[in-house]
N, C-alpha and C. Protein backbone atom coordinates (compact mmCIF):
# COMPACT_ATOMS: atom_id res chain seq x y z
N MET A 1 5.34 23.28 -4.65
CA MET A 1 4.96 24.58 -4.07
C MET A 1 5.69 24.77 -2.75
N ASN A 2 6.30 25.94 -2.54
CA ASN A 2 7.08 26.16 -1.32
C ASN A 2 6.17 26.42 -0.12
N SER A 3 6.76 26.40 1.06
CA SER A 3 5.99 26.48 2.29
C SER A 3 5.23 27.81 2.41
N ARG A 4 5.82 28.90 1.91
CA ARG A 4 5.14 30.19 1.99
C ARG A 4 3.84 30.19 1.17
N LEU A 5 3.92 29.68 -0.03
CA LEU A 5 2.73 29.64 -0.88
C LEU A 5 1.69 28.68 -0.32
N LEU A 6 2.14 27.59 0.28
CA LEU A 6 1.20 26.66 0.90
C LEU A 6 0.48 27.30 2.07
N LEU A 7 1.22 28.04 2.90
CA LEU A 7 0.61 28.74 4.03
C LEU A 7 -0.37 29.81 3.54
N LYS A 8 0.02 30.51 2.51
CA LYS A 8 -0.84 31.55 1.95
C LYS A 8 -2.16 30.96 1.47
N GLN A 9 -2.09 29.84 0.77
CA GLN A 9 -3.30 29.18 0.29
C GLN A 9 -4.12 28.64 1.46
N GLU A 10 -3.44 28.11 2.47
CA GLU A 10 -4.15 27.60 3.65
C GLU A 10 -4.90 28.72 4.36
N LEU A 11 -4.29 29.90 4.43
CA LEU A 11 -4.94 31.03 5.07
C LEU A 11 -6.20 31.45 4.29
N LEU A 12 -6.08 31.57 2.99
CA LEU A 12 -7.22 31.95 2.17
C LEU A 12 -8.32 30.89 2.24
N ASP A 13 -7.93 29.63 2.24
CA ASP A 13 -8.91 28.54 2.32
C ASP A 13 -9.64 28.56 3.66
N SER A 14 -8.91 28.87 4.74
CA SER A 14 -9.52 28.90 6.07
C SER A 14 -10.55 30.01 6.16
N ILE A 15 -10.23 31.17 5.60
CA ILE A 15 -11.18 32.29 5.60
C ILE A 15 -12.39 31.96 4.75
N SER A 16 -12.15 31.36 3.59
CA SER A 16 -13.24 30.98 2.69
C SER A 16 -14.16 29.94 3.35
N LYS A 17 -13.56 29.03 4.09
CA LYS A 17 -14.34 27.97 4.73
C LYS A 17 -15.28 28.53 5.78
N VAL A 18 -14.79 29.46 6.61
CA VAL A 18 -15.67 30.03 7.63
C VAL A 18 -16.75 30.89 6.99
N ALA A 19 -16.43 31.55 5.87
CA ALA A 19 -17.45 32.33 5.16
C ALA A 19 -18.56 31.41 4.65
N GLN A 20 -18.15 30.26 4.12
CA GLN A 20 -19.12 29.29 3.62
C GLN A 20 -19.98 28.74 4.76
N THR A 21 -19.34 28.47 5.90
CA THR A 21 -20.08 27.97 7.05
C THR A 21 -21.12 28.98 7.52
N LEU A 22 -20.77 30.26 7.47
CA LEU A 22 -21.67 31.33 7.90
C LEU A 22 -22.63 31.77 6.80
N ASN A 23 -22.50 31.16 5.63
CA ASN A 23 -23.33 31.53 4.47
C ASN A 23 -23.13 33.00 4.10
N ILE A 24 -21.86 33.42 4.15
CA ILE A 24 -21.49 34.79 3.79
C ILE A 24 -20.80 34.77 2.44
N ASN A 25 -21.16 35.69 1.58
CA ASN A 25 -20.51 35.83 0.29
C ASN A 25 -18.99 35.97 0.50
N PRO A 26 -18.18 35.17 -0.18
CA PRO A 26 -16.72 35.24 0.02
C PRO A 26 -16.11 36.58 -0.35
N GLN A 27 -16.88 37.44 -1.04
CA GLN A 27 -16.39 38.77 -1.36
C GLN A 27 -16.50 39.72 -0.18
N TYR A 28 -17.26 39.33 0.85
CA TYR A 28 -17.47 40.19 2.01
C TYR A 28 -16.48 39.82 3.12
N PRO A 29 -15.98 40.78 3.87
CA PRO A 29 -14.98 40.46 4.90
C PRO A 29 -15.57 39.74 6.10
N ILE A 30 -14.75 38.89 6.70
CA ILE A 30 -15.09 38.17 7.93
C ILE A 30 -14.37 38.86 9.09
N THR A 31 -15.03 38.93 10.23
CA THR A 31 -14.36 39.41 11.44
C THR A 31 -14.33 38.29 12.47
N ASP A 32 -13.42 38.41 13.42
CA ASP A 32 -13.28 37.36 14.42
C ASP A 32 -14.51 37.22 15.31
N THR A 33 -15.33 38.28 15.41
CA THR A 33 -16.53 38.20 16.24
C THR A 33 -17.62 37.36 15.61
N LEU A 34 -17.49 37.06 14.32
CA LEU A 34 -18.51 36.27 13.64
C LEU A 34 -18.24 34.77 13.70
N ILE A 35 -17.03 34.40 14.08
CA ILE A 35 -16.64 32.99 13.99
C ILE A 35 -16.29 32.44 15.37
N SER A 36 -16.08 31.14 15.43
CA SER A 36 -15.76 30.51 16.70
C SER A 36 -14.35 30.86 17.14
N GLY A 37 -14.10 30.71 18.44
CA GLY A 37 -12.76 30.97 18.97
C GLY A 37 -11.71 30.08 18.34
N ASP A 38 -12.08 28.83 18.07
CA ASP A 38 -11.14 27.88 17.44
C ASP A 38 -10.76 28.33 16.04
N ASP A 39 -11.76 28.79 15.27
CA ASP A 39 -11.48 29.26 13.90
C ASP A 39 -10.62 30.52 13.93
N SER A 40 -10.92 31.40 14.88
CA SER A 40 -10.14 32.63 15.01
C SER A 40 -8.69 32.32 15.36
N LEU A 41 -8.48 31.39 16.28
CA LEU A 41 -7.12 31.01 16.67
C LEU A 41 -6.39 30.34 15.52
N LYS A 42 -7.10 29.55 14.73
CA LYS A 42 -6.48 28.88 13.58
C LYS A 42 -6.00 29.90 12.57
N ILE A 43 -6.84 30.90 12.26
CA ILE A 43 -6.46 31.94 11.31
C ILE A 43 -5.27 32.73 11.84
N GLU A 44 -5.28 33.05 13.14
CA GLU A 44 -4.17 33.79 13.74
C GLU A 44 -2.87 32.97 13.66
N LYS A 45 -2.94 31.69 13.91
CA LYS A 45 -1.74 30.84 13.88
C LYS A 45 -1.15 30.77 12.49
N ILE A 46 -2.01 30.55 11.49
CA ILE A 46 -1.52 30.49 10.10
C ILE A 46 -0.92 31.84 9.71
N THR A 47 -1.58 32.92 10.12
CA THR A 47 -1.09 34.26 9.81
C THR A 47 0.29 34.50 10.40
N LEU A 48 0.49 34.13 11.64
CA LEU A 48 1.79 34.30 12.28
C LEU A 48 2.87 33.52 11.54
N ASN A 49 2.55 32.31 11.13
CA ASN A 49 3.53 31.49 10.39
C ASN A 49 3.86 32.11 9.04
N LEU A 50 2.84 32.69 8.39
CA LEU A 50 3.07 33.32 7.10
C LEU A 50 3.87 34.61 7.26
N GLU A 51 3.58 35.38 8.30
CA GLU A 51 4.33 36.62 8.55
C GLU A 51 5.81 36.33 8.75
N ALA A 52 6.11 35.18 9.34
CA ALA A 52 7.51 34.81 9.57
C ALA A 52 8.25 34.55 8.26
N LEU A 53 7.50 34.34 7.17
CA LEU A 53 8.11 34.08 5.86
C LEU A 53 7.91 35.25 4.90
N ASN A 54 7.67 36.43 5.45
CA ASN A 54 7.45 37.62 4.64
C ASN A 54 8.61 37.83 3.65
N PRO A 55 8.32 37.82 2.33
CA PRO A 55 9.41 38.00 1.35
C PRO A 55 9.96 39.42 1.31
N PHE A 56 9.23 40.37 1.91
CA PHE A 56 9.69 41.76 1.95
C PHE A 56 9.60 42.27 3.39
N PRO A 57 10.52 41.85 4.26
CA PRO A 57 10.44 42.23 5.67
C PRO A 57 10.65 43.73 5.91
N LYS A 58 11.16 44.45 4.91
CA LYS A 58 11.28 45.91 4.99
C LYS A 58 10.51 46.50 3.81
N PRO A 59 9.19 46.40 3.86
CA PRO A 59 8.38 46.79 2.68
C PRO A 59 8.47 48.25 2.32
N LEU A 60 8.76 49.14 3.27
CA LEU A 60 8.85 50.56 2.95
C LEU A 60 10.19 50.92 2.30
N VAL A 61 11.10 49.95 2.26
CA VAL A 61 12.39 50.14 1.59
C VAL A 61 12.41 49.40 0.26
N TYR A 62 11.99 48.11 0.28
CA TYR A 62 12.14 47.27 -0.90
C TYR A 62 10.83 46.86 -1.56
N GLY A 63 9.69 47.16 -0.93
CA GLY A 63 8.42 46.71 -1.50
C GLY A 63 7.38 47.79 -1.64
N VAL A 64 7.83 49.04 -1.75
CA VAL A 64 6.89 50.16 -1.80
C VAL A 64 5.94 50.04 -2.99
N ASN A 65 6.47 49.63 -4.15
CA ASN A 65 5.63 49.53 -5.35
C ASN A 65 4.50 48.52 -5.17
N LEU A 66 4.70 47.53 -4.30
CA LEU A 66 3.66 46.53 -4.07
C LEU A 66 2.48 47.10 -3.30
N LEU A 67 2.71 48.16 -2.55
CA LEU A 67 1.63 48.74 -1.75
C LEU A 67 0.57 49.43 -2.61
N ASP A 68 0.98 49.99 -3.74
CA ASP A 68 0.05 50.73 -4.59
C ASP A 68 -1.07 49.84 -5.12
N GLY A 69 -2.25 50.44 -5.24
CA GLY A 69 -3.34 49.73 -5.89
C GLY A 69 -4.55 49.51 -5.01
N ILE A 70 -5.39 48.58 -5.46
CA ILE A 70 -6.67 48.31 -4.80
C ILE A 70 -6.55 47.01 -4.00
N TRP A 71 -6.84 47.11 -2.71
CA TRP A 71 -6.78 45.96 -1.81
C TRP A 71 -8.16 45.67 -1.24
N GLN A 72 -8.59 44.42 -1.35
CA GLN A 72 -9.90 44.02 -0.82
C GLN A 72 -9.71 43.29 0.50
N LEU A 73 -10.49 43.70 1.49
CA LEU A 73 -10.38 43.12 2.83
C LEU A 73 -11.02 41.74 2.88
N ASN A 74 -10.24 40.76 3.36
CA ASN A 74 -10.75 39.40 3.54
C ASN A 74 -11.15 39.10 4.98
N TYR A 75 -10.33 39.61 5.90
CA TYR A 75 -10.53 39.25 7.32
C TYR A 75 -9.94 40.34 8.19
N SER A 76 -10.59 40.62 9.32
CA SER A 76 -10.06 41.62 10.23
C SER A 76 -10.56 41.39 11.65
N THR A 77 -9.75 41.84 12.61
CA THR A 77 -10.16 41.85 14.01
C THR A 77 -10.32 43.28 14.50
N ALA A 78 -10.28 44.26 13.59
CA ALA A 78 -10.32 45.67 13.97
C ALA A 78 -11.70 46.08 14.45
N ARG A 79 -11.72 46.93 15.46
CA ARG A 79 -12.98 47.39 16.04
C ARG A 79 -13.85 48.10 15.00
N GLU A 80 -13.22 48.92 14.13
CA GLU A 80 -14.00 49.67 13.16
C GLU A 80 -14.67 48.77 12.13
N ILE A 81 -14.05 47.62 11.82
CA ILE A 81 -14.67 46.67 10.90
C ILE A 81 -15.75 45.88 11.63
N ARG A 82 -15.48 45.49 12.86
CA ARG A 82 -16.51 44.80 13.65
C ARG A 82 -17.78 45.63 13.75
N SER A 83 -17.61 46.95 13.96
CA SER A 83 -18.78 47.81 14.13
C SER A 83 -19.65 47.86 12.89
N LEU A 84 -19.02 47.68 11.72
CA LEU A 84 -19.78 47.71 10.47
C LEU A 84 -20.68 46.48 10.33
N ASN A 85 -20.43 45.44 11.12
CA ASN A 85 -21.30 44.27 11.13
C ASN A 85 -22.52 44.48 12.01
N LYS A 86 -22.62 45.65 12.64
CA LYS A 86 -23.75 45.96 13.53
C LYS A 86 -24.41 47.26 13.11
N LEU A 87 -24.55 47.46 11.81
CA LEU A 87 -25.14 48.68 11.32
C LEU A 87 -26.65 48.72 11.62
N PRO A 88 -27.18 49.92 11.88
CA PRO A 88 -28.62 50.04 12.16
C PRO A 88 -29.46 50.06 10.89
N LEU A 89 -30.76 50.12 11.06
CA LEU A 89 -31.73 50.33 9.98
C LEU A 89 -31.70 49.24 8.92
N GLY A 90 -31.27 48.03 9.31
CA GLY A 90 -31.28 46.92 8.36
C GLY A 90 -30.16 46.92 7.34
N LEU A 91 -29.14 47.79 7.55
CA LEU A 91 -28.03 47.85 6.61
C LEU A 91 -27.03 46.72 6.86
N LYS A 92 -26.51 46.15 5.80
CA LYS A 92 -25.56 45.03 5.88
C LYS A 92 -24.26 45.39 5.18
N LEU A 93 -23.15 44.96 5.76
CA LEU A 93 -21.84 45.22 5.18
C LEU A 93 -21.60 44.34 3.96
N ARG A 94 -21.03 44.94 2.93
CA ARG A 94 -20.66 44.20 1.72
C ARG A 94 -19.14 44.31 1.54
N GLN A 95 -18.66 44.57 0.34
CA GLN A 95 -17.21 44.61 0.10
C GLN A 95 -16.57 45.80 0.81
N VAL A 96 -15.31 45.58 1.22
CA VAL A 96 -14.51 46.64 1.83
C VAL A 96 -13.17 46.70 1.10
N TYR A 97 -12.76 47.91 0.71
CA TYR A 97 -11.52 48.08 -0.03
C TYR A 97 -10.65 49.16 0.60
N GLN A 98 -9.35 49.06 0.32
CA GLN A 98 -8.41 50.12 0.63
C GLN A 98 -7.61 50.40 -0.64
N ILE A 99 -7.61 51.67 -1.06
CA ILE A 99 -6.92 52.07 -2.28
C ILE A 99 -5.75 52.97 -1.89
N ILE A 100 -4.53 52.54 -2.22
CA ILE A 100 -3.32 53.23 -1.78
C ILE A 100 -2.60 53.90 -2.95
N ASP A 101 -2.17 55.13 -2.73
CA ASP A 101 -1.34 55.86 -3.70
C ASP A 101 -0.08 56.31 -2.96
N THR A 102 1.01 55.59 -3.15
CA THR A 102 2.23 55.91 -2.41
C THR A 102 2.87 57.21 -2.89
N GLN A 103 2.65 57.59 -4.14
CA GLN A 103 3.21 58.85 -4.64
C GLN A 103 2.61 60.04 -3.91
N LYS A 104 1.34 59.94 -3.59
CA LYS A 104 0.65 61.03 -2.88
C LYS A 104 0.61 60.78 -1.37
N THR A 105 1.22 59.67 -0.94
CA THR A 105 1.18 59.24 0.48
C THR A 105 -0.23 59.39 1.04
N SER A 106 -1.17 58.79 0.32
CA SER A 106 -2.57 58.87 0.73
C SER A 106 -3.26 57.54 0.43
N PHE A 107 -4.39 57.35 1.08
CA PHE A 107 -5.23 56.19 0.77
C PHE A 107 -6.66 56.53 1.17
N PHE A 108 -7.59 55.69 0.70
CA PHE A 108 -8.94 55.79 1.24
C PHE A 108 -9.51 54.39 1.42
N ASN A 109 -10.33 54.27 2.45
CA ASN A 109 -11.05 53.04 2.73
C ASN A 109 -12.50 53.24 2.32
N VAL A 110 -13.06 52.27 1.65
CA VAL A 110 -14.48 52.36 1.28
C VAL A 110 -15.16 51.04 1.62
N ALA A 111 -16.26 51.16 2.36
CA ALA A 111 -17.05 50.00 2.77
C ALA A 111 -18.45 50.13 2.16
N PHE A 112 -18.81 49.20 1.30
CA PHE A 112 -20.13 49.22 0.69
C PHE A 112 -21.16 48.58 1.61
N VAL A 113 -22.34 49.16 1.64
CA VAL A 113 -23.42 48.65 2.49
C VAL A 113 -24.68 48.52 1.64
N GLU A 114 -25.56 47.64 2.09
CA GLU A 114 -26.81 47.40 1.37
C GLU A 114 -27.90 47.08 2.37
N HIS A 115 -29.10 47.62 2.14
CA HIS A 115 -30.21 47.28 3.02
C HIS A 115 -30.59 45.82 2.81
N SER A 116 -31.04 45.16 3.88
CA SER A 116 -31.36 43.74 3.79
C SER A 116 -32.43 43.45 2.74
N SER A 117 -33.24 44.45 2.40
CA SER A 117 -34.25 44.28 1.36
C SER A 117 -33.66 44.40 -0.05
N GLY A 118 -32.44 44.94 -0.13
CA GLY A 118 -31.80 45.17 -1.42
C GLY A 118 -32.26 46.44 -2.12
N LEU A 119 -33.10 47.24 -1.44
CA LEU A 119 -33.67 48.43 -2.07
C LEU A 119 -32.75 49.64 -2.02
N VAL A 120 -31.82 49.66 -1.07
CA VAL A 120 -30.91 50.79 -0.92
C VAL A 120 -29.48 50.30 -0.85
N LYS A 121 -28.60 50.96 -1.63
CA LYS A 121 -27.18 50.63 -1.62
C LYS A 121 -26.38 51.91 -1.45
N GLY A 122 -25.29 51.83 -0.70
CA GLY A 122 -24.45 53.00 -0.50
C GLY A 122 -23.07 52.61 -0.02
N TYR A 123 -22.36 53.58 0.53
CA TYR A 123 -21.03 53.28 1.04
C TYR A 123 -20.60 54.32 2.06
N VAL A 124 -19.60 53.91 2.84
CA VAL A 124 -18.91 54.80 3.76
C VAL A 124 -17.47 54.87 3.30
N LYS A 125 -16.95 56.08 3.12
CA LYS A 125 -15.57 56.24 2.67
C LYS A 125 -14.81 57.13 3.65
N VAL A 126 -13.57 56.74 3.93
CA VAL A 126 -12.71 57.53 4.80
C VAL A 126 -11.41 57.81 4.06
N THR A 127 -11.03 59.08 3.97
CA THR A 127 -9.78 59.45 3.33
C THR A 127 -8.70 59.68 4.39
N ALA A 128 -7.46 59.46 4.00
CA ALA A 128 -6.36 59.60 4.96
C ALA A 128 -5.05 59.86 4.23
N THR A 129 -4.11 60.44 4.95
CA THR A 129 -2.73 60.55 4.49
C THR A 129 -1.85 59.75 5.44
N PHE A 130 -0.65 59.43 4.99
CA PHE A 130 0.24 58.66 5.85
C PHE A 130 1.68 59.11 5.67
N SER A 131 2.50 58.79 6.65
CA SER A 131 3.94 59.08 6.57
C SER A 131 4.70 57.89 7.13
N PRO A 132 5.82 57.54 6.52
CA PRO A 132 6.63 56.42 7.03
C PRO A 132 7.13 56.72 8.44
N GLN A 133 7.07 55.73 9.28
CA GLN A 133 7.57 55.86 10.65
C GLN A 133 9.02 55.39 10.72
N ILE A 134 9.90 56.24 11.21
CA ILE A 134 11.30 55.87 11.38
C ILE A 134 11.57 55.66 12.86
N LYS A 135 11.88 54.45 13.22
CA LYS A 135 12.08 54.10 14.62
C LYS A 135 13.49 54.47 15.07
N ASP A 136 13.65 54.63 16.35
CA ASP A 136 14.96 54.94 16.92
C ASP A 136 16.00 53.91 16.48
N GLY A 137 17.13 54.39 15.99
CA GLY A 137 18.20 53.49 15.57
C GLY A 137 18.18 53.15 14.11
N ASP A 138 17.06 53.48 13.41
CA ASP A 138 16.95 53.21 11.98
C ASP A 138 17.24 54.48 11.17
N LEU A 139 17.90 54.32 10.04
CA LEU A 139 18.13 55.45 9.14
C LEU A 139 16.99 55.62 8.16
N LEU A 140 16.30 54.51 7.86
CA LEU A 140 15.21 54.52 6.89
C LEU A 140 13.96 53.89 7.52
N PRO A 141 12.78 54.22 6.99
CA PRO A 141 11.57 53.54 7.47
C PRO A 141 11.63 52.07 7.11
N GLN A 142 11.02 51.23 7.91
CA GLN A 142 11.10 49.79 7.70
C GLN A 142 9.75 49.19 7.26
N ASP A 143 8.77 49.20 8.16
CA ASP A 143 7.54 48.47 7.88
C ASP A 143 6.28 49.12 8.43
N THR A 144 6.41 50.32 9.02
CA THR A 144 5.27 50.93 9.72
C THR A 144 5.00 52.34 9.21
N ILE A 145 3.72 52.65 9.06
CA ILE A 145 3.32 54.00 8.67
C ILE A 145 2.47 54.63 9.77
N ASN A 146 2.58 55.93 9.92
CA ASN A 146 1.68 56.70 10.78
C ASN A 146 0.55 57.25 9.91
N VAL A 147 -0.66 57.23 10.45
CA VAL A 147 -1.84 57.57 9.66
C VAL A 147 -2.55 58.78 10.23
N ASN A 148 -3.01 59.64 9.33
CA ASN A 148 -3.86 60.77 9.73
C ASN A 148 -5.16 60.69 8.94
N PHE A 149 -6.24 60.34 9.62
CA PHE A 149 -7.54 60.25 8.95
C PHE A 149 -8.08 61.66 8.71
N ASP A 150 -8.64 61.88 7.52
CA ASP A 150 -9.05 63.22 7.11
C ASP A 150 -10.56 63.39 7.11
N LYS A 151 -11.23 62.88 6.08
CA LYS A 151 -12.67 63.08 5.92
C LYS A 151 -13.41 61.74 5.90
N ARG A 152 -14.67 61.79 6.32
CA ARG A 152 -15.55 60.64 6.24
C ARG A 152 -16.75 61.02 5.37
N PHE A 153 -17.07 60.17 4.41
CA PHE A 153 -18.16 60.42 3.48
C PHE A 153 -19.23 59.34 3.63
N LEU A 154 -20.48 59.75 3.67
CA LEU A 154 -21.61 58.82 3.64
C LEU A 154 -22.35 59.05 2.33
N ALA A 155 -22.60 57.99 1.59
CA ALA A 155 -23.21 58.14 0.27
C ALA A 155 -24.28 57.09 0.04
N ILE A 156 -25.32 57.47 -0.69
CA ILE A 156 -26.34 56.53 -1.16
C ILE A 156 -26.19 56.46 -2.68
N GLN A 157 -25.91 55.27 -3.18
CA GLN A 157 -25.69 55.09 -4.62
C GLN A 157 -26.96 54.80 -5.39
N LYS A 158 -27.79 53.94 -4.80
CA LYS A 158 -29.00 53.51 -5.51
C LYS A 158 -30.17 53.38 -4.54
N ILE A 159 -31.35 53.75 -5.02
CA ILE A 159 -32.59 53.50 -4.30
C ILE A 159 -33.52 52.80 -5.28
N VAL A 160 -34.00 51.61 -4.90
CA VAL A 160 -34.82 50.77 -5.78
C VAL A 160 -34.12 50.60 -7.13
N ASN A 161 -32.81 50.36 -7.07
CA ASN A 161 -31.97 50.10 -8.25
C ASN A 161 -31.86 51.29 -9.18
N ILE A 162 -32.23 52.49 -8.70
CA ILE A 162 -32.07 53.71 -9.49
C ILE A 162 -30.90 54.50 -8.92
N LYS A 163 -29.94 54.89 -9.76
CA LYS A 163 -28.77 55.62 -9.28
C LYS A 163 -29.19 56.99 -8.73
N THR A 164 -28.52 57.37 -7.65
CA THR A 164 -28.84 58.63 -6.97
C THR A 164 -27.58 59.47 -6.78
N PRO A 165 -27.02 60.02 -7.87
CA PRO A 165 -25.79 60.80 -7.75
C PRO A 165 -25.92 62.03 -6.85
N ILE A 166 -27.15 62.51 -6.68
CA ILE A 166 -27.35 63.67 -5.81
C ILE A 166 -27.00 63.35 -4.36
N PHE A 167 -27.01 62.06 -4.01
CA PHE A 167 -26.70 61.63 -2.65
C PHE A 167 -25.28 61.06 -2.52
N GLU A 168 -24.41 61.39 -3.49
CA GLU A 168 -23.02 60.94 -3.42
C GLU A 168 -22.08 62.15 -3.31
N PRO A 169 -21.76 62.60 -2.12
CA PRO A 169 -22.16 62.04 -0.84
C PRO A 169 -23.42 62.73 -0.30
N VAL A 170 -24.03 62.09 0.68
CA VAL A 170 -25.16 62.71 1.36
C VAL A 170 -24.69 63.48 2.58
N LYS A 171 -23.48 63.14 3.06
CA LYS A 171 -22.92 63.84 4.22
C LYS A 171 -21.41 63.68 4.23
N VAL A 172 -20.71 64.77 4.62
CA VAL A 172 -19.25 64.75 4.76
C VAL A 172 -18.90 65.38 6.10
N PHE A 173 -18.03 64.73 6.85
CA PHE A 173 -17.58 65.34 8.10
C PHE A 173 -16.16 64.90 8.39
N ASN A 174 -15.52 65.59 9.31
CA ASN A 174 -14.14 65.29 9.66
C ASN A 174 -14.05 63.92 10.32
N ALA A 175 -13.07 63.14 9.88
CA ALA A 175 -12.83 61.84 10.51
C ALA A 175 -12.12 62.05 11.83
N ARG A 176 -12.42 61.20 12.79
CA ARG A 176 -11.82 61.34 14.11
C ARG A 176 -10.59 60.44 14.24
N ASN A 177 -9.47 61.02 14.65
CA ASN A 177 -8.29 60.25 14.98
C ASN A 177 -8.33 59.90 16.47
N PRO A 178 -7.72 58.79 16.86
CA PRO A 178 -7.73 58.40 18.28
C PRO A 178 -7.10 59.47 19.17
N GLN A 179 -7.66 59.64 20.34
CA GLN A 179 -7.12 60.60 21.30
C GLN A 179 -5.91 60.00 22.01
N GLY A 180 -4.83 60.79 22.09
CA GLY A 180 -3.68 60.38 22.87
C GLY A 180 -2.69 59.48 22.18
N ARG A 181 -2.94 59.12 20.92
CA ARG A 181 -1.97 58.29 20.20
C ARG A 181 -2.09 58.55 18.71
N ILE A 182 -1.02 58.26 17.99
CA ILE A 182 -1.02 58.38 16.54
C ILE A 182 -1.36 57.03 15.94
N PRO A 183 -2.44 56.92 15.16
CA PRO A 183 -2.75 55.64 14.55
C PRO A 183 -1.62 55.18 13.63
N SER A 184 -1.35 53.91 13.65
CA SER A 184 -0.27 53.37 12.82
C SER A 184 -0.65 52.01 12.27
N LEU A 185 0.07 51.60 11.25
CA LEU A 185 -0.14 50.28 10.64
C LEU A 185 1.21 49.69 10.28
N LYS A 186 1.45 48.49 10.74
CA LYS A 186 2.68 47.76 10.42
C LYS A 186 2.38 46.73 9.34
N VAL A 187 3.11 46.80 8.24
CA VAL A 187 2.96 45.81 7.17
C VAL A 187 3.80 44.59 7.54
N THR A 188 3.13 43.52 7.91
CA THR A 188 3.84 42.33 8.40
C THR A 188 4.04 41.27 7.33
N TYR A 189 3.32 41.42 6.21
CA TYR A 189 3.52 40.50 5.08
C TYR A 189 3.01 41.20 3.82
N ILE A 190 3.76 41.08 2.74
CA ILE A 190 3.29 41.60 1.46
C ILE A 190 3.94 40.85 0.32
N ASP A 191 3.14 40.56 -0.70
CA ASP A 191 3.66 40.07 -1.98
C ASP A 191 2.78 40.66 -3.07
N GLU A 192 2.81 40.07 -4.25
CA GLU A 192 2.08 40.66 -5.37
C GLU A 192 0.58 40.58 -5.23
N SER A 193 0.05 39.70 -4.36
CA SER A 193 -1.39 39.51 -4.30
C SER A 193 -1.97 39.48 -2.89
N MET A 194 -1.14 39.56 -1.86
CA MET A 194 -1.66 39.53 -0.48
C MET A 194 -0.90 40.52 0.38
N ARG A 195 -1.63 41.13 1.31
CA ARG A 195 -1.01 42.01 2.30
C ARG A 195 -1.61 41.74 3.66
N ILE A 196 -0.77 41.68 4.67
CA ILE A 196 -1.21 41.52 6.05
C ILE A 196 -0.66 42.69 6.85
N GLY A 197 -1.51 43.28 7.67
CA GLY A 197 -1.09 44.41 8.48
C GLY A 197 -1.57 44.28 9.90
N ARG A 198 -0.84 44.92 10.81
CA ARG A 198 -1.21 44.96 12.23
C ARG A 198 -1.34 46.43 12.64
N GLY A 199 -2.51 46.79 13.16
CA GLY A 199 -2.71 48.14 13.64
C GLY A 199 -1.95 48.38 14.92
N GLY A 200 -1.82 49.66 15.28
CA GLY A 200 -1.12 50.00 16.51
C GLY A 200 -1.79 49.44 17.75
N ASP A 201 -3.09 49.13 17.63
CA ASP A 201 -3.82 48.54 18.74
C ASP A 201 -3.81 47.01 18.70
N GLY A 202 -3.02 46.45 17.77
CA GLY A 202 -2.92 45.00 17.66
C GLY A 202 -3.90 44.36 16.70
N SER A 203 -4.78 45.16 16.10
CA SER A 203 -5.78 44.61 15.18
C SER A 203 -5.13 44.05 13.92
N LEU A 204 -5.78 43.04 13.35
CA LEU A 204 -5.25 42.31 12.19
C LEU A 204 -6.07 42.63 10.95
N PHE A 205 -5.38 42.81 9.83
CA PHE A 205 -6.03 43.03 8.53
C PHE A 205 -5.39 42.09 7.52
N ILE A 206 -6.20 41.32 6.82
CA ILE A 206 -5.73 40.45 5.74
C ILE A 206 -6.45 40.88 4.47
N LEU A 207 -5.67 41.23 3.43
CA LEU A 207 -6.25 41.79 2.21
C LEU A 207 -5.66 41.12 0.98
N SER A 208 -6.44 41.13 -0.11
CA SER A 208 -5.99 40.59 -1.39
C SER A 208 -6.00 41.69 -2.43
N LYS A 209 -4.99 41.70 -3.30
CA LYS A 209 -4.91 42.70 -4.38
C LYS A 209 -5.94 42.36 -5.46
N VAL A 210 -6.70 43.35 -5.92
CA VAL A 210 -7.68 43.16 -6.97
C VAL A 210 -7.49 44.23 -8.04
N ASN A 211 -8.10 44.00 -9.21
CA ASN A 211 -7.93 44.92 -10.33
C ASN A 211 -8.92 46.07 -10.33
N LYS A 212 -10.07 45.86 -9.69
CA LYS A 212 -11.09 46.92 -9.68
C LYS A 212 -12.00 46.78 -8.47
N ILE A 213 -12.74 47.85 -8.21
CA ILE A 213 -13.73 47.86 -7.14
C ILE A 213 -15.05 47.37 -7.69
N ALA A 214 -15.67 46.44 -6.98
CA ALA A 214 -17.00 45.94 -7.34
C ALA A 214 -17.94 46.26 -6.20
N ASP A 215 -18.98 47.06 -6.47
CA ASP A 215 -19.88 47.51 -5.38
C ASP A 215 -21.07 46.58 -5.22
N SER A 216 -20.78 45.28 -5.03
CA SER A 216 -21.76 44.20 -4.80
C SER A 216 -22.56 43.87 -6.04
């Protein structure tokens, strides 16, 4: 097994290990605020080493087809993901996905939530469009997209295990984009089953390609 694949497996194993230590379902994302500083630094170090071996360093030129599909979030340091770990009213974060359609230059993020009692299940969904970012001196986009968040949906799927389509969604409102800057995402590593990205604010996202969405 080559060094890239070894690093990739080491990264996934490290995330899985901290999830096990925290007694968190491995299907649910981990954030750096939930783990020790040493574990966070270890994940960051492995990630940096793996990014240096990115097989598609210009993913918007040579790896666009790899971006399409369903991506499940494994680990993040992003503020918006951290905030989902502090939901009110006894709600707990479950699976988080990003579904990308490069033909339509759009994606949506969906985070499933569940009440600690298990009696209520729902999700938060954010839709967005994106455009390739072309930096000064480049003729083509390389690895970064600019993002425009569109709508935010709040939905309740089940109450006492009974489906509630009337509450899908229960509320829709305009998503807020950051003031004074254009949100962006740099794809720092991608292959057929893993993607790593860095937000414009430096936040880290580690995701795995999956075949379907599972709502817990």
